Amino acid sequence: MLVQLTVDEHGGVRLVDWDTFTAFAVHAPIGHDVESVGKALEADAAGEVEDGRAWISADAVARLAGEAGAGDDWQSGFEAMVEYARLKGWLREDGAIRAHIEFD
């Protein structure tokens, strides 16, 4: 389980498994490609794709978590995940978090 953004077959973006902070990824169905994932992320103001990697806005994750029903205690777990990403070099200067793109 991991915090993951899912791009659906229509290009909609939602957050699933938002309460497990051990990994971070963007999932899209087979048939999508990196370009279509990037367009979906940009359309939802969730992030962008650069050099084949997704960069996800921390603010967008917080927004999507709220929409998914995350409570106030979620924020501390997310902040710890972001700090871990910073230590690993997976955080850009603008606060975007690097995420794997996976197709299934």
Protein backbone atom coordinates (compact mmCIF):
# COMPACT_ATOMS: atom_id res chain seq x y z
CA MET A 1 0.00 0.00 0.00
CA LEU A 2 1.19 3.50 -0.72
CA VAL A 3 0.08 7.03 -1.21
CA GLN A 4 -0.83 7.09 -4.85
CA LEU A 5 -2.54 9.28 -7.35
CA THR A 6 -4.59 7.44 -9.90
CA VAL A 7 -5.33 8.72 -13.37
CA ASP A 8 -8.50 7.04 -14.60
CA GLU A 9 -9.37 6.09 -18.17
CA HIS A 10 -11.00 9.52 -18.67
CA GLY A 11 -8.02 11.48 -17.34
CA GLY A 12 -9.49 12.21 -13.90
CA VAL A 13 -7.07 12.33 -10.97
CA ARG A 14 -7.82 11.07 -7.47
CA LEU A 15 -5.86 10.06 -4.40
CA VAL A 16 -6.08 6.48 -3.14
CA ASP A 17 -4.35 4.71 -0.27
CA TRP A 18 -3.80 8.17 1.16
CA ASP A 19 -3.06 6.97 4.66
CA THR A 20 -0.01 4.78 3.96
CA PHE A 21 3.14 6.88 3.65
CA THR A 22 5.81 4.34 2.68
CA ALA A 23 5.82 4.97 -1.10
CA PHE A 24 4.51 7.48 -3.61
CA ALA A 25 3.41 6.80 -7.18
CA VAL A 26 1.06 7.76 -9.98
CA HIS A 27 -0.91 4.88 -11.48
CA ALA A 28 -2.62 4.94 -14.83
CA PRO A 29 -4.40 2.23 -16.80
CA ILE A 30 -2.64 0.43 -19.61
CA GLY A 31 -3.28 2.40 -22.77
CA HIS A 32 -2.19 5.66 -21.22
CA ASP A 33 1.33 6.92 -21.76
CA VAL A 34 3.58 9.33 -19.92
CA GLU A 35 2.31 12.25 -22.00
CA SER A 36 -1.35 11.57 -21.22
CA VAL A 37 -0.51 11.23 -17.52
CA GLY A 38 1.22 14.60 -17.64
CA LYS A 39 -1.80 16.20 -19.33
CA ALA A 40 -4.15 14.75 -16.70
CA LEU A 41 -1.98 15.97 -13.83
CA GLU A 42 -1.73 19.45 -15.33
CA ALA A 43 -5.48 19.63 -16.04
CA ASP A 44 -6.19 18.83 -12.39
CA ALA A 45 -3.46 21.22 -11.13
CA ALA A 46 -1.92 18.18 -9.43
CA GLY A 47 1.51 18.25 -11.02
CA GLU A 48 3.45 17.65 -14.19
CA VAL A 49 5.69 15.15 -15.94
CA GLU A 50 9.30 16.05 -16.59
CA ASP A 51 11.87 13.68 -18.09
CA GLY A 52 9.53 10.71 -17.63
CA ARG A 53 8.92 11.35 -13.92
CA ALA A 54 5.88 12.82 -12.25
CA TRP A 55 6.30 15.84 -10.00
CA ILE A 56 3.27 16.18 -7.75
CA SER A 57 2.29 19.34 -5.93
CA ALA A 58 2.22 18.82 -2.15
CA ASP A 59 -0.72 21.25 -2.02
CA ALA A 60 -2.59 19.12 -4.56
CA VAL A 61 -1.98 15.99 -2.48
CA ALA A 62 -3.39 17.77 0.58
CA ARG A 63 -6.41 18.94 -1.45
CA LEU A 64 -7.06 15.46 -2.82
CA ALA A 65 -6.61 13.92 0.64
CA GLY A 66 -9.26 16.26 2.01
CA GLU A 67 -11.58 15.27 -0.83
CA ALA A 68 -10.89 11.61 0.00
CA GLY A 69 -11.83 12.12 3.65
CA ALA A 70 -8.43 12.37 5.33
CA GLY A 71 -8.62 13.71 8.87
CA ASP A 72 -6.45 16.22 10.68
CA ASP A 73 -4.04 13.49 11.84
CA TRP A 74 -3.25 12.75 8.18
CA GLN A 75 -1.24 15.97 7.89
CA SER A 76 1.51 14.89 10.30
CA GLY A 77 2.08 11.62 8.41
CA PHE A 78 2.17 13.47 5.11
CA GLU A 79 4.63 16.05 6.45
CA ALA A 80 6.93 13.21 7.58
CA MET A 81 6.70 11.67 4.09
CA VAL A 82 7.58 15.01 2.48
CA GLU A 83 10.56 15.42 4.83
CA TYR A 84 11.78 11.93 3.92
CA ALA A 85 11.44 12.85 0.23
CA ARG A 86 13.47 16.01 0.86
CA LEU A 87 16.25 14.03 2.54
CA LYS A 88 16.36 11.60 -0.41
CA GLY A 89 16.48 14.40 -2.99
CA TRP A 90 12.96 13.69 -4.25
CA LEU A 91 11.63 17.20 -3.53
CA ARG A 92 12.02 20.11 -5.92
CA GLU A 93 12.64 23.67 -4.79
CA ASP A 94 8.97 24.48 -5.46
CA GLY A 95 7.90 21.69 -3.08
CA ALA A 96 6.79 19.22 -5.77
CA ILE A 97 7.37 15.58 -4.84
CA ARG A 98 8.87 13.13 -7.33
CA ALA A 99 6.69 10.09 -8.01
CA HIS A 100 7.06 6.96 -10.10
CA ILE A 101 4.61 6.50 -12.96
CA GLU A 102 3.20 3.01 -13.17
CA PHE A 103 0.79 1.52 -15.69
CA ASP A 104 -1.54 -1.34 -14.80
